[in-house]
Amino acid sequence: MTKAQAATADVFLTALKALPKAERDAVLVRIAREKPFAQDILDLALIARRRREPSRPFRDYLAERKAR
């Protein structure tokens, strides 16, 4: 993430946090209803959850798939 992207994200997050709960919930519901955004959120949540898992070389993964 570039500095400009991080700054933009900070501005949006600050604005979201400043909203009253009902308005914040309304924004989040609208984001969740947009399929591309909803998929992005799910992808990011999965990445965050699996970040500490051990990695393995891609070639090993391909060899395992081929063996199936």
PDB file of N, CA and C in Angstrom:
ATOM      1  N   MET A   1       0.849  -1.164   0.000  1.00  0.00           N
ATOM      2  CA  MET A   1       0.000   0.000   0.000  1.00  0.00           C
ATOM      3  C   MET A   1       0.902   1.237   0.000  1.00  0.00           C
ATOM      4  N   THR A   2       0.591   2.163  -0.883  1.00  0.00           N
ATOM      5  CA  THR A   2       1.379   3.392  -0.942  1.00  0.00           C
ATOM      6  C   THR A   2       0.970   4.328   0.198  1.00  0.00           C
ATOM      7  N   LYS A   3       1.774   5.359   0.413  1.00  0.00           N
ATOM      8  CA  LYS A   3       1.442   6.348   1.443  1.00  0.00           C
ATOM      9  C   LYS A   3       0.125   7.047   1.110  1.00  0.00           C
ATOM     10  N   ALA A   4      -0.077   7.340  -0.165  1.00  0.00           N
ATOM     11  CA  ALA A   4      -1.314   8.009  -0.575  1.00  0.00           C
ATOM     12  C   ALA A   4      -2.527   7.105  -0.325  1.00  0.00           C
ATOM     13  N   GLN A   5      -2.395   5.824  -0.633  1.00  0.00           N
ATOM     14  CA  GLN A   5      -3.493   4.888  -0.393  1.00  0.00           C
ATOM     15  C   GLN A   5      -3.781   4.759   1.093  1.00  0.00           C
ATOM     16  N   ALA A   6      -2.728   4.697   1.897  1.00  0.00           N
ATOM     17  CA  ALA A   6      -2.901   4.599   3.348  1.00  0.00           C
ATOM     18  C   ALA A   6      -3.572   5.854   3.893  1.00  0.00           C
ATOM     19  N   ALA A   7      -3.194   7.012   3.382  1.00  0.00           N
ATOM     20  CA  ALA A   7      -3.807   8.263   3.825  1.00  0.00           C
ATOM     21  C   ALA A   7      -5.286   8.310   3.460  1.00  0.00           C
ATOM     22  N   THR A   8      -5.610   7.881   2.249  1.00  0.00           N
ATOM     23  CA  THR A   8      -7.010   7.846   1.826  1.00  0.00           C
ATOM     24  C   THR A   8      -7.809   6.882   2.694  1.00  0.00           C
ATOM     25  N   ALA A   9      -7.239   5.712   2.948  1.00  0.00           N
ATOM     26  CA  ALA A   9      -7.916   4.732   3.801  1.00  0.00           C
ATOM     27  C   ALA A   9      -8.144   5.301   5.196  1.00  0.00           C
ATOM     28  N   ASP A  10      -7.162   6.008   5.728  1.00  0.00           N
ATOM     29  CA  ASP A  10      -7.304   6.615   7.056  1.00  0.00           C
ATOM     30  C   ASP A  10      -8.437   7.640   7.084  1.00  0.00           C
ATOM     31  N   VAL A  11      -8.541   8.435   6.022  1.00  0.00           N
ATOM     32  CA  VAL A  11      -9.601   9.441   5.957  1.00  0.00           C
ATOM     33  C   VAL A  11     -10.969   8.762   5.961  1.00  0.00           C
ATOM     34  N   PHE A  12     -11.140   7.734   5.138  1.00  0.00           N
ATOM     35  CA  PHE A  12     -12.429   7.042   5.079  1.00  0.00           C
ATOM     36  C   PHE A  12     -12.746   6.332   6.391  1.00  0.00           C
ATOM     37  N   LEU A  13     -11.749   5.706   6.994  1.00  0.00           N
ATOM     38  CA  LEU A  13     -11.973   5.012   8.259  1.00  0.00           C
ATOM     39  C   LEU A  13     -12.327   5.990   9.369  1.00  0.00           C
ATOM     40  N   THR A  14     -11.651   7.126   9.404  1.00  0.00           N
ATOM     41  CA  THR A  14     -11.958   8.152  10.401  1.00  0.00           C
ATOM     42  C   THR A  14     -13.391   8.655  10.227  1.00  0.00           C
ATOM     43  N   ALA A  15     -13.786   8.894   8.981  1.00  0.00           N
ATOM     44  CA  ALA A  15     -15.151   9.351   8.711  1.00  0.00           C
ATOM     45  C   ALA A  15     -16.168   8.295   9.123  1.00  0.00           C
ATOM     46  N   LEU A  16     -15.888   7.043   8.830  1.00  0.00           N
ATOM     47  CA  LEU A  16     -16.800   5.955   9.195  1.00  0.00           C
ATOM     48  C   LEU A  16     -16.940   5.850  10.712  1.00  0.00           C
ATOM     49  N   LYS A  17     -15.814   5.940  11.413  1.00  0.00           N
ATOM     50  CA  LYS A  17     -15.841   5.859  12.877  1.00  0.00           C
ATOM     51  C   LYS A  17     -16.599   7.030  13.501  1.00  0.00           C
ATOM     52  N   ALA A  18     -16.598   8.178  12.826  1.00  0.00           N
ATOM     53  CA  ALA A  18     -17.252   9.374  13.361  1.00  0.00           C
ATOM     54  C   ALA A  18     -18.775   9.322  13.233  1.00  0.00           C
ATOM     55  N   LEU A  19     -19.281   8.450  12.388  1.00  0.00           N
ATOM     56  CA  LEU A  19     -20.726   8.361  12.196  1.00  0.00           C
ATOM     57  C   LEU A  19     -21.404   7.750  13.424  1.00  0.00           C
ATOM     58  N   PRO A  20     -22.644   8.159  13.669  1.00  0.00           N
ATOM     59  CA  PRO A  20     -23.420   7.459  14.697  1.00  0.00           C
ATOM     60  C   PRO A  20     -23.599   5.995  14.287  1.00  0.00           C
ATOM     61  N   LYS A  21     -23.801   5.123  15.252  1.00  0.00           N
ATOM     62  CA  LYS A  21     -23.862   3.689  14.984  1.00  0.00           C
ATOM     63  C   LYS A  21     -24.864   3.333  13.886  1.00  0.00           C
ATOM     64  N   ALA A  22     -26.059   3.904  13.908  1.00  0.00           N
ATOM     65  CA  ALA A  22     -27.082   3.569  12.906  1.00  0.00           C
ATOM     66  C   ALA A  22     -26.601   3.918  11.501  1.00  0.00           C
ATOM     67  N   GLU A  23     -25.974   5.069  11.349  1.00  0.00           N
ATOM     68  CA  GLU A  23     -25.477   5.472  10.035  1.00  0.00           C
ATOM     69  C   GLU A  23     -24.287   4.615   9.621  1.00  0.00           C
ATOM     70  N   ARG A  24     -23.401   4.309  10.567  1.00  0.00           N
ATOM     71  CA  ARG A  24     -22.254   3.443  10.279  1.00  0.00           C
ATOM     72  C   ARG A  24     -22.742   2.072   9.820  1.00  0.00           C
ATOM     73  N   ASP A  25     -23.738   1.532  10.527  1.00  0.00           N
ATOM     74  CA  ASP A  25     -24.302   0.238  10.140  1.00  0.00           C
ATOM     75  C   ASP A  25     -24.912   0.292   8.748  1.00  0.00           C
ATOM     76  N   ALA A  26     -25.584   1.394   8.430  1.00  0.00           N
ATOM     77  CA  ALA A  26     -26.202   1.540   7.107  1.00  0.00           C
ATOM     78  C   ALA A  26     -25.138   1.536   6.011  1.00  0.00           C
ATOM     79  N   VAL A  27     -24.025   2.210   6.252  1.00  0.00           N
ATOM     80  CA  VAL A  27     -22.932   2.235   5.263  1.00  0.00           C
ATOM     81  C   VAL A  27     -22.367   0.830   5.092  1.00  0.00           C
ATOM     82  N   LEU A  28     -22.117   0.147   6.201  1.00  0.00           N
ATOM     83  CA  LEU A  28     -21.542  -1.197   6.113  1.00  0.00           C
ATOM     84  C   LEU A  28     -22.488  -2.176   5.430  1.00  0.00           C
ATOM     85  N   VAL A  29     -23.779  -2.056   5.680  1.00  0.00           N
ATOM     86  CA  VAL A  29     -24.759  -2.925   5.003  1.00  0.00           C
ATOM     87  C   VAL A  29     -24.737  -2.671   3.499  1.00  0.00           C
ATOM     88  N   ARG A  30     -24.665  -1.410   3.106  1.00  0.00           N
ATOM     89  CA  ARG A  30     -24.624  -1.105   1.669  1.00  0.00           C
ATOM     90  C   ARG A  30     -23.355  -1.639   1.027  1.00  0.00           C
ATOM     91  N   ILE A  31     -22.242  -1.543   1.719  1.00  0.00           N
ATOM     92  CA  ILE A  31     -20.994  -2.097   1.185  1.00  0.00           C
ATOM     93  C   ILE A  31     -21.123  -3.609   1.046  1.00  0.00           C
ATOM     94  N   ALA A  32     -21.673  -4.260   2.051  1.00  0.00           N
ATOM     95  CA  ALA A  32     -21.816  -5.718   2.032  1.00  0.00           C
ATOM     96  C   ALA A  32     -22.764  -6.185   0.931  1.00  0.00           C
ATOM     97  N   ARG A  33     -23.708  -5.353   0.549  1.00  0.00           N
ATOM     98  CA  ARG A  33     -24.668  -5.733  -0.508  1.00  0.00           C
ATOM     99  C   ARG A  33     -24.083  -5.619  -1.912  1.00  0.00           C
ATOM    100  N   GLU A  34     -22.996  -4.885  -2.040  1.00  0.00           N
ATOM    101  CA  GLU A  34     -22.319  -4.760  -3.341  1.00  0.00           C
ATOM    102  C   GLU A  34     -21.436  -5.988  -3.518  1.00  0.00           C
ATOM    103  N   LYS A  35     -21.787  -6.853  -4.458  1.00  0.00           N
ATOM    104  CA  LYS A  35     -21.085  -8.130  -4.587  1.00  0.00           C
ATOM    105  C   LYS A  35     -19.563  -8.011  -4.697  1.00  0.00           C
ATOM    106  N   PRO A  36     -19.033  -7.108  -5.524  1.00  0.00           N
ATOM    107  CA  PRO A  36     -17.563  -7.029  -5.591  1.00  0.00           C
ATOM    108  C   PRO A  36     -16.935  -6.644  -4.246  1.00  0.00           C
ATOM    109  N   PHE A  37     -17.564  -5.699  -3.536  1.00  0.00           N
ATOM    110  CA  PHE A  37     -17.039  -5.297  -2.232  1.00  0.00           C
ATOM    111  C   PHE A  37     -17.174  -6.425  -1.224  1.00  0.00           C
ATOM    112  N   ALA A  38     -18.311  -7.097  -1.244  1.00  0.00           N
ATOM    113  CA  ALA A  38     -18.533  -8.198  -0.308  1.00  0.00           C
ATOM    114  C   ALA A  38     -17.492  -9.293  -0.521  1.00  0.00           C
ATOM    115  N   GLN A  39     -17.205  -9.611  -1.778  1.00  0.00           N
ATOM    116  CA  GLN A  39     -16.204 -10.637  -2.061  1.00  0.00           C
ATOM    117  C   GLN A  39     -14.812 -10.184  -1.610  1.00  0.00           C
ATOM    118  N   ASP A  40     -14.505  -8.907  -1.842  1.00  0.00           N
ATOM    119  CA  ASP A  40     -13.214  -8.374  -1.388  1.00  0.00           C
ATOM    120  C   ASP A  40     -13.087  -8.487   0.133  1.00  0.00           C
ATOM    121  N   ILE A  41     -14.153  -8.164   0.851  1.00  0.00           N
ATOM    122  CA  ILE A  41     -14.134  -8.239   2.311  1.00  0.00           C
ATOM    123  C   ILE A  41     -13.917  -9.680   2.767  1.00  0.00           C
ATOM    124  N   LEU A  42     -14.607 -10.613   2.139  1.00  0.00           N
ATOM    125  CA  LEU A  42     -14.426 -12.024   2.491  1.00  0.00           C
ATOM    126  C   LEU A  42     -13.001 -12.492   2.197  1.00  0.00           C
ATOM    127  N   ASP A  43     -12.472 -12.090   1.056  1.00  0.00           N
ATOM    128  CA  ASP A  43     -11.096 -12.464   0.699  1.00  0.00           C
ATOM    129  C   ASP A  43     -10.098 -11.912   1.717  1.00  0.00           C
ATOM    130  N   LEU A  44     -10.264 -10.642   2.087  1.00  0.00           N
ATOM    131  CA  LEU A  44      -9.350 -10.029   3.047  1.00  0.00           C
ATOM    132  C   LEU A  44      -9.452 -10.676   4.422  1.00  0.00           C
ATOM    133  N   ALA A  45     -10.666 -11.031   4.824  1.00  0.00           N
ATOM    134  CA  ALA A  45     -10.844 -11.704   6.118  1.00  0.00           C
ATOM    135  C   ALA A  45     -10.156 -13.067   6.107  1.00  0.00           C
ATOM    136  N   LEU A  46     -10.277 -13.795   5.003  1.00  0.00           N
ATOM    137  CA  LEU A  46      -9.629 -15.101   4.901  1.00  0.00           C
ATOM    138  C   LEU A  46      -8.105 -14.965   4.931  1.00  0.00           C
ATOM    139  N   ILE A  47      -7.597 -13.989   4.214  1.00  0.00           N
ATOM    140  CA  ILE A  47      -6.149 -13.750   4.209  1.00  0.00           C
ATOM    141  C   ILE A  47      -5.665 -13.416   5.620  1.00  0.00           C
ATOM    142  N   ALA A  48      -6.379 -12.543   6.308  1.00  0.00           N
ATOM    143  CA  ALA A  48      -5.986 -12.154   7.665  1.00  0.00           C
ATOM    144  C   ALA A  48      -6.012 -13.356   8.604  1.00  0.00           C
ATOM    145  N   ARG A  49      -7.017 -14.202   8.453  1.00  0.00           N
ATOM    146  CA  ARG A  49      -7.143 -15.365   9.337  1.00  0.00           C
ATOM    147  C   ARG A  49      -6.029 -16.382   9.081  1.00  0.00           C
ATOM    148  N   ARG A  50      -5.608 -16.520   7.818  1.00  0.00           N
ATOM    149  CA  ARG A  50      -4.633 -17.554   7.467  1.00  0.00           C
ATOM    150  C   ARG A  50      -3.200 -17.023   7.391  1.00  0.00           C
ATOM    151  N   ARG A  51      -3.003 -15.751   7.702  1.00  0.00           N
ATOM    152  CA  ARG A  51      -1.694 -15.118   7.558  1.00  0.00           C
ATOM    153  C   ARG A  51      -0.590 -15.835   8.329  1.00  0.00           C
ATOM    154  N   ARG A  52      -0.898 -16.403   9.466  1.00  0.00           N
ATOM    155  CA  ARG A  52       0.130 -17.045  10.297  1.00  0.00           C
ATOM    156  C   ARG A  52       0.359 -18.509   9.950  1.00  0.00           C
ATOM    157  N   GLU A  53      -0.380 -19.026   8.991  1.00  0.00           N
ATOM    158  CA  GLU A  53      -0.159 -20.417   8.586  1.00  0.00           C
ATOM    159  C   GLU A  53       1.192 -20.536   7.883  1.00  0.00           C
ATOM    160  N   PRO A  54       1.830 -21.673   8.019  1.00  0.00           N
ATOM    161  CA  PRO A  54       3.106 -21.840   7.321  1.00  0.00           C
ATOM    162  C   PRO A  54       2.895 -21.842   5.800  1.00  0.00           C
ATOM    163  N   SER A  55       3.854 -21.308   5.103  1.00  0.00           N
ATOM    164  CA  SER A  55       3.758 -21.294   3.641  1.00  0.00           C
ATOM    165  C   SER A  55       4.503 -22.494   3.079  1.00  0.00           C
ATOM    166  N   ARG A  56       4.302 -22.731   1.795  1.00  0.00           N
ATOM    167  CA  ARG A  56       5.025 -23.799   1.116  1.00  0.00           C
ATOM    168  C   ARG A  56       5.259 -23.373  -0.323  1.00  0.00           C
ATOM    169  N   PRO A  57       6.273 -23.914  -0.942  1.00  0.00           N
ATOM    170  CA  PRO A  57       6.561 -23.536  -2.325  1.00  0.00           C
ATOM    171  C   PRO A  57       5.401 -23.908  -3.260  1.00  0.00           C
ATOM    172  N   PHE A  58       5.161 -23.037  -4.220  1.00  0.00           N
ATOM    173  CA  PHE A  58       4.081 -23.262  -5.174  1.00  0.00           C
ATOM    174  C   PHE A  58       4.275 -24.570  -5.937  1.00  0.00           C
ATOM    175  N   ARG A  59       5.503 -24.912  -6.251  1.00  0.00           N
ATOM    176  CA  ARG A  59       5.780 -26.166  -6.974  1.00  0.00           C
ATOM    177  C   ARG A  59       5.347 -27.381  -6.159  1.00  0.00           C
ATOM    178  N   ASP A  60       5.526 -27.315  -4.838  1.00  0.00           N
ATOM    179  CA  ASP A  60       5.053 -28.412  -3.978  1.00  0.00           C
ATOM    180  C   ASP A  60       3.537 -28.543  -4.050  1.00  0.00           C
ATOM    181  N   TYR A  61       2.855 -27.399  -4.041  1.00  0.00           N
ATOM    182  CA  TYR A  61       1.399 -27.404  -4.155  1.00  0.00           C
ATOM    183  C   TYR A  61       0.973 -28.022  -5.478  1.00  0.00           C
ATOM    184  N   LEU A  62       1.620 -27.615  -6.567  1.00  0.00           N
ATOM    185  CA  LEU A  62       1.273 -28.163  -7.871  1.00  0.00           C
ATOM    186  C   LEU A  62       1.521 -29.668  -7.942  1.00  0.00           C
ATOM    187  N   ALA A  63       2.626 -30.118  -7.369  1.00  0.00           N
ATOM    188  CA  ALA A  63       2.938 -31.542  -7.358  1.00  0.00           C
ATOM    189  C   ALA A  63       1.875 -32.312  -6.564  1.00  0.00           C
ATOM    190  N   GLU A  64       1.444 -31.744  -5.461  1.00  0.00           N
ATOM    191  CA  GLU A  64       0.398 -32.388  -4.652  1.00  0.00           C
ATOM    192  C   GLU A  64      -0.916 -32.483  -5.430  1.00  0.00           C
ATOM    193  N   ARG A  65      -1.269 -31.401  -6.122  1.00  0.00           N
ATOM    194  CA  ARG A  65      -2.507 -31.425  -6.918  1.00  0.00           C
ATOM    195  C   ARG A  65      -2.432 -32.456  -8.037  1.00  0.00           C
ATOM    196  N   LYS A  66      -1.268 -32.535  -8.676  1.00  0.00           N
ATOM    197  CA  LYS A  66      -1.104 -33.458  -9.789  1.00  0.00           C
ATOM    198  C   LYS A  66      -1.197 -34.902  -9.307  1.00  0.00           C
ATOM    199  N   ALA A  67      -0.733 -35.146  -8.084  1.00  0.00           N
ATOM    200  CA  ALA A  67      -0.759 -36.498  -7.520  1.00  0.00           C
ATOM    201  C   ALA A  67      -2.164 -36.990  -7.199  1.00  0.00           C
ATOM    202  N   ARG A  68      -3.075 -36.089  -7.055  1.00  0.00           N
ATOM    203  CA  ARG A  68      -4.467 -36.474  -6.699  1.00  0.00           C
ATOM    204  C   ARG A  68      -5.152 -37.171  -7.820  1.00  0.00           C
TER     205      ARG A  68
END
